[in-house]
Amino acid sequence: MARLCPLFSGSSGNSYYIGSRSAGLLLDAGRSARQLDNMLRACGIDPLAVQGILLTHEHTDHVNGVRVFAKKYHLPIIASQGTLQALEGALADAETHVAETGMQLAGMTVTPFHTSHDCAESLGFRIKTEDDRCFTLSTDLGCLSEEVMENLLGADFAVIESNHDVEMLRNGGYPYHLKRRILSDRGHLSNAACAAFLPKLARSGTKRILLAHLSRENNTRAIALETALASLVEAGYVPNVDFLLDAARPENTDGKTMIF
C-alpha cells in the first residue's frame, strides 16, 4: 500500500516521503541530511529506500539538505530546467534530470506541473503509485491556476498549501514588501483560498487532504483546519466519512505515516 510520511512542513523546511517501506521518493529536502535521515527512520523508513529526490523549486526551505543527502545515497535529483539552472553551482557534482511527464521512479509514475511562485520555475507533482493510487503535492502557490487544479482534482490524496490567515498577515509584524509578496499571485496560498477550493476537490473524489506549509507567524493549525473544515461541511461533506482532513506539522516528531 502507498504511504506518505510528511517529514517537515513550513518555512523552517519541507520534505515528504512517498512510496512503500522498501522503495520511494523524497519530495524536497529542506532540512539537513542528518535531520532527513533521522526523520525518515522515525517514520519507519530506511533512508536507503529513497530512490530519487523531486524538487519543487530552489528556495532554501526546500533544498537545504539536497546536495549532501543525494551524494550520501547516490541519488538522482529531478526538477524543472529553471530550478536546476538556479541551483547549478550548488549541484555541480550531483546527478540531475529535468522533470518530464511520465517519468518512472521507484515503481511510480511522476507527472510534474507548473505552479505560480516567485522563483525560477516551480513545480508540483502528481504521482501514480504501484498500487494505482494517485497523490498530488502542490505547495508554494500564489494562486490555484487551471493547471494546478487539474492536477489536484481526482487525486486519492492531496497535499495543498494553506499558508496564512490573511488578517493575521495584514496585522502582523512583517514588513510591507514581504506582506505584499506573500499575498501576490506568486506568493503563498491563504487559508481562505485553499478552503474555497476544497469542496470542488472533495466532489472530484479526493478522500484525503493534508494542509501544508503553514506559516508559524501568520497561521495556526487550529485556524487552518477550522477554515478548511467549515468550507467542506458547509458544502455538505461529512468529516471522516466523505473526507479525512489533517494539517502537517513543522516536524513529524510522532513518526506519523499516512496509508492511502
Protein backbone atom coordinates (compact mmCIF):
# COMPACT_ATOMS: atom_id res chain seq x y z
CA MET A 1 0.00 0.00 0.00
CA ALA A 2 1.12 3.57 -0.70
CA ARG A 3 2.24 5.63 2.24
CA LEU A 4 3.03 9.28 2.78
CA CYS A 5 5.35 10.50 5.51
CA PRO A 6 5.24 14.29 5.92
CA LEU A 7 8.73 14.71 7.37
CA PHE A 8 8.86 18.51 7.58
CA SER A 9 6.47 21.27 6.54
CA GLY A 10 6.68 25.05 6.77
CA SER A 11 9.12 27.92 6.45
CA SER A 12 11.76 26.08 8.50
CA GLY A 13 11.95 23.24 5.98
CA ASN A 14 9.85 20.99 3.75
CA SER A 15 10.19 17.34 2.83
CA TYR A 16 7.86 14.38 2.20
CA TYR A 17 8.43 10.70 1.56
CA ILE A 18 6.05 8.80 -0.70
CA GLY A 19 6.21 5.12 -1.60
CA SER A 20 6.45 1.86 0.26
CA ARG A 21 8.77 0.85 3.09
CA SER A 22 11.17 -0.60 0.55
CA ALA A 23 11.16 1.99 -2.26
CA GLY A 24 10.04 5.57 -2.58
CA LEU A 25 10.82 9.17 -3.39
CA LEU A 26 11.72 12.24 -1.39
CA LEU A 27 9.78 15.34 -2.36
CA ASP A 28 12.01 18.30 -1.43
CA ALA A 29 14.86 18.17 1.04
CA GLY A 30 14.60 21.37 3.04
CA ARG A 31 16.41 20.24 6.19
CA SER A 32 19.95 18.98 6.71
CA ALA A 33 20.85 15.49 5.52
CA ARG A 34 21.17 14.35 9.13
CA GLN A 35 17.71 15.66 10.00
CA LEU A 36 16.23 13.99 6.93
CA ASP A 37 17.94 10.72 7.91
CA ASN A 38 16.63 10.88 11.45
CA MET A 39 13.08 11.77 10.47
CA LEU A 40 12.86 9.02 7.86
CA ARG A 41 13.95 6.50 10.47
CA ALA A 42 11.43 7.92 12.97
CA CYS A 43 8.74 7.19 10.36
CA GLY A 44 9.98 3.63 9.94
CA ILE A 45 11.65 4.27 6.59
CA ASP A 46 15.23 3.23 5.92
CA PRO A 47 16.90 6.13 4.04
CA LEU A 48 18.24 3.52 1.61
CA ALA A 49 14.65 3.11 0.39
CA VAL A 50 14.80 6.57 -1.19
CA GLN A 51 15.47 6.19 -4.93
CA GLY A 52 15.30 9.81 -6.04
CA ILE A 53 14.61 13.38 -4.94
CA LEU A 54 11.98 15.56 -6.60
CA LEU A 55 12.43 19.31 -6.06
CA THR A 56 9.55 21.76 -6.32
CA HIS A 57 11.85 24.83 -6.53
CA GLU A 58 15.14 26.28 -5.37
CA HIS A 59 14.20 28.14 -2.18
CA THR A 60 16.33 27.15 0.81
CA ASP A 61 13.45 25.68 2.83
CA HIS A 62 13.04 23.10 0.05
CA VAL A 63 16.65 22.30 -0.89
CA ASN A 64 18.79 22.84 2.22
CA GLY A 65 19.92 19.21 2.53
CA VAL A 66 19.55 18.02 -1.04
CA ARG A 67 23.19 18.04 -2.15
CA VAL A 68 24.55 16.18 0.89
CA PHE A 69 21.66 13.69 1.09
CA ALA A 70 21.84 12.93 -2.65
CA LYS A 71 25.60 12.48 -2.51
CA LYS A 72 25.42 10.24 0.57
CA TYR A 73 22.90 7.85 -1.02
CA HIS A 74 23.91 8.32 -4.69
CA LEU A 75 20.50 9.65 -5.67
CA PRO A 76 19.31 11.45 -8.79
CA ILE A 77 17.81 14.91 -8.32
CA ILE A 78 14.83 15.74 -10.53
CA ALA A 79 13.47 19.26 -11.01
CA SER A 80 12.48 21.77 -13.67
CA GLN A 81 15.10 23.20 -16.01
CA GLY A 82 14.72 26.58 -14.31
CA THR A 83 15.27 25.14 -10.83
CA LEU A 84 18.33 23.16 -11.92
CA GLN A 85 19.82 26.26 -13.52
CA ALA A 86 19.16 28.27 -10.36
CA LEU A 87 20.98 25.58 -8.34
CA GLU A 88 23.68 24.93 -10.91
CA GLY A 89 26.63 25.80 -8.69
CA ALA A 90 25.24 24.04 -5.63
CA LEU A 91 24.57 20.80 -7.53
CA ALA A 92 27.68 20.75 -9.68
CA ASP A 93 28.69 17.22 -8.64
CA ALA A 94 25.17 15.74 -8.50
CA GLU A 95 23.22 13.58 -10.94
CA THR A 96 20.40 15.79 -12.15
CA HIS A 97 17.48 15.31 -14.54
CA VAL A 98 14.82 17.62 -15.91
CA ALA A 99 11.38 16.51 -14.74
CA GLU A 100 9.27 15.08 -17.55
CA THR A 101 5.75 13.75 -17.75
CA GLY A 102 5.55 10.00 -17.31
CA MET A 103 8.90 9.54 -15.56
CA GLN A 104 9.20 6.11 -13.92
CA LEU A 105 10.81 6.38 -10.49
CA ALA A 106 10.74 3.89 -7.59
CA GLY A 107 7.99 1.97 -9.37
CA MET A 108 5.81 5.09 -9.62
CA THR A 109 4.78 7.36 -12.49
CA VAL A 110 5.57 11.04 -11.95
CA THR A 111 3.84 13.93 -13.71
CA PRO A 112 5.20 17.43 -13.00
CA PHE A 113 3.07 20.53 -13.41
CA HIS A 114 3.80 24.24 -13.13
CA THR A 115 2.86 26.33 -10.12
CA SER A 116 2.86 30.08 -9.54
CA HIS A 117 5.60 31.17 -7.13
CA ASP A 118 8.36 33.77 -7.00
CA CYS A 119 11.20 31.56 -8.15
CA ALA A 120 12.80 30.35 -11.37
CA GLU A 121 10.33 27.61 -12.37
CA SER A 122 8.38 25.92 -9.60
CA LEU A 123 6.60 22.60 -9.94
CA GLY A 124 4.03 20.46 -8.21
CA PHE A 125 3.92 16.69 -8.70
CA ARG A 126 1.14 14.21 -9.43
CA ILE A 127 2.29 10.69 -8.70
CA LYS A 128 0.66 7.36 -9.54
CA THR A 129 1.81 4.68 -7.12
CA GLU A 130 2.48 0.99 -7.79
CA ASP A 131 -0.94 0.07 -6.42
CA ASP A 132 -2.66 2.55 -8.76
CA ARG A 133 -3.28 5.28 -6.16
CA CYS A 134 -2.94 8.92 -7.13
CA PHE A 135 -1.14 11.51 -4.99
CA THR A 136 -0.63 15.22 -5.67
CA LEU A 137 1.70 17.66 -3.92
CA SER A 138 1.00 21.33 -4.55
CA THR A 139 2.51 23.90 -2.19
CA ASP A 140 4.13 27.35 -2.51
CA LEU A 141 1.23 28.61 -4.59
CA GLY A 142 0.42 32.22 -5.26
CA CYS A 143 -2.83 31.08 -6.82
CA LEU A 144 -4.72 28.00 -7.93
CA SER A 145 -4.19 28.05 -11.67
CA GLU A 146 -6.14 25.84 -14.06
CA GLU A 147 -3.08 23.60 -14.40
CA VAL A 148 -2.74 23.23 -10.65
CA MET A 149 -6.44 22.46 -10.15
CA GLU A 150 -6.43 19.95 -13.00
CA ASN A 151 -3.63 18.01 -11.30
CA LEU A 152 -5.21 18.17 -7.84
CA LEU A 153 -8.69 17.07 -8.87
CA GLY A 154 -9.35 13.35 -8.59
CA ALA A 155 -6.26 12.56 -6.55
CA ASP A 156 -6.79 9.99 -3.82
CA PHE A 157 -4.53 12.05 -1.56
CA ALA A 158 -3.86 15.76 -1.99
CA VAL A 159 -1.30 17.89 -0.16
CA ILE A 160 -2.24 21.52 -0.66
CA GLU A 161 -0.88 24.74 0.76
CA SER A 162 -2.82 26.61 3.45
CA ASN A 163 -0.11 29.07 4.36
CA HIS A 164 -1.62 32.04 6.17
CA ASP A 165 -4.63 33.71 7.68
CA VAL A 166 -4.99 36.95 5.71
CA GLU A 167 -5.91 39.11 8.71
CA MET A 168 -3.07 37.72 10.82
CA LEU A 169 -0.67 38.51 8.00
CA ARG A 170 -2.01 42.02 7.39
CA ASN A 171 -1.96 42.90 11.08
CA GLY A 172 1.32 41.15 11.85
CA GLY A 173 4.86 42.40 12.07
CA TYR A 174 6.13 41.51 8.62
CA PRO A 175 7.42 44.47 6.56
CA TYR A 176 5.09 45.74 3.86
CA HIS A 177 7.13 44.34 0.95
CA LEU A 178 7.01 40.84 2.45
CA LYS A 179 3.27 41.01 3.09
CA ARG A 180 2.78 42.15 -0.48
CA ARG A 181 4.90 39.27 -1.78
CA ILE A 182 3.02 36.63 0.22
CA LEU A 183 -0.38 37.99 -0.83
CA SER A 184 0.56 38.19 -4.52
CA ASP A 185 -0.24 35.63 -7.23
CA ARG A 186 3.37 34.46 -6.94
CA GLY A 187 3.38 34.21 -3.16
CA HIS A 188 1.59 31.75 -0.89
CA LEU A 189 -1.98 30.41 -0.76
CA SER A 190 -4.14 31.66 2.11
CA ASN A 191 -6.39 29.55 4.31
CA ALA A 192 -9.43 31.14 2.68
CA ALA A 193 -8.28 30.48 -0.90
CA CYS A 194 -7.40 26.89 -0.04
CA ALA A 195 -10.70 26.30 1.78
CA ALA A 196 -12.77 27.71 -1.08
CA PHE A 197 -11.32 25.07 -3.40
CA LEU A 198 -11.73 22.06 -1.10
CA PRO A 199 -15.42 21.29 -1.85
CA LYS A 200 -14.54 21.03 -5.53
CA LEU A 201 -11.66 18.74 -4.60
CA ALA A 202 -13.94 16.53 -2.50
CA ARG A 203 -16.51 16.47 -5.29
CA SER A 204 -13.83 15.10 -7.64
CA GLY A 205 -13.37 12.06 -5.37
CA THR A 206 -10.40 13.11 -3.23
CA LYS A 207 -10.73 11.47 0.19
CA ARG A 208 -7.55 12.53 1.98
CA ILE A 209 -6.45 16.15 2.28
CA LEU A 210 -3.34 17.40 4.06
CA LEU A 211 -2.94 21.14 4.58
CA ALA A 212 0.71 22.10 4.28
CA HIS A 213 3.34 24.84 4.51
CA LEU A 214 1.54 26.62 7.36
CA SER A 215 3.20 29.87 8.44
CA ARG A 216 4.49 29.93 12.01
CA GLU A 217 3.91 33.68 12.31
CA ASN A 218 0.67 34.15 10.38
CA ASN A 219 -1.28 30.94 10.94
CA THR A 220 -2.03 28.12 13.36
CA ARG A 221 -3.03 24.52 12.75
CA ALA A 222 -6.32 25.19 14.54
CA ILE A 223 -7.22 28.15 12.32
CA ALA A 224 -6.20 26.41 9.09
CA LEU A 225 -8.16 23.28 9.96
CA GLU A 226 -11.20 25.21 11.15
CA THR A 227 -11.30 27.27 7.94
CA ALA A 228 -10.97 24.20 5.73
CA LEU A 229 -13.46 22.14 7.72
CA ALA A 230 -16.08 24.90 7.69
CA SER A 231 -15.92 25.13 3.91
CA LEU A 232 -16.29 21.38 3.41
CA VAL A 233 -19.10 20.98 5.96
CA GLU A 234 -20.99 23.96 4.56
CA ALA A 235 -20.83 22.25 1.15
CA GLY A 236 -22.45 19.15 2.66
CA TYR A 237 -19.46 16.87 3.16
CA VAL A 238 -19.22 14.80 6.33
CA PRO A 239 -15.85 14.60 8.15
CA ASN A 240 -14.34 11.10 8.46
CA VAL A 241 -16.99 9.80 6.06
CA ASP A 242 -16.58 11.81 2.89
CA PHE A 243 -13.05 13.02 3.63
CA LEU A 244 -10.13 12.86 6.05
CA LEU A 245 -8.54 16.22 6.81
CA ASP A 246 -5.29 16.98 8.60
CA ALA A 247 -2.59 19.65 8.71
CA ALA A 248 1.12 18.90 8.52
CA ARG A 249 3.24 19.87 11.50
CA PRO A 250 6.62 21.62 11.17
CA GLU A 251 8.26 18.36 12.27
CA ASN A 252 6.75 14.89 12.24
CA THR A 253 8.03 14.11 15.72
CA ASP A 254 5.39 11.37 16.16
CA GLY A 255 6.64 9.49 13.11
CA LYS A 256 3.16 9.65 11.60
CA THR A 257 2.68 7.71 8.38
CA MET A 258 -0.46 8.05 6.25
CA ILE A 259 -1.60 4.98 4.30
CA PHE A 260 -3.84 5.56 1.29
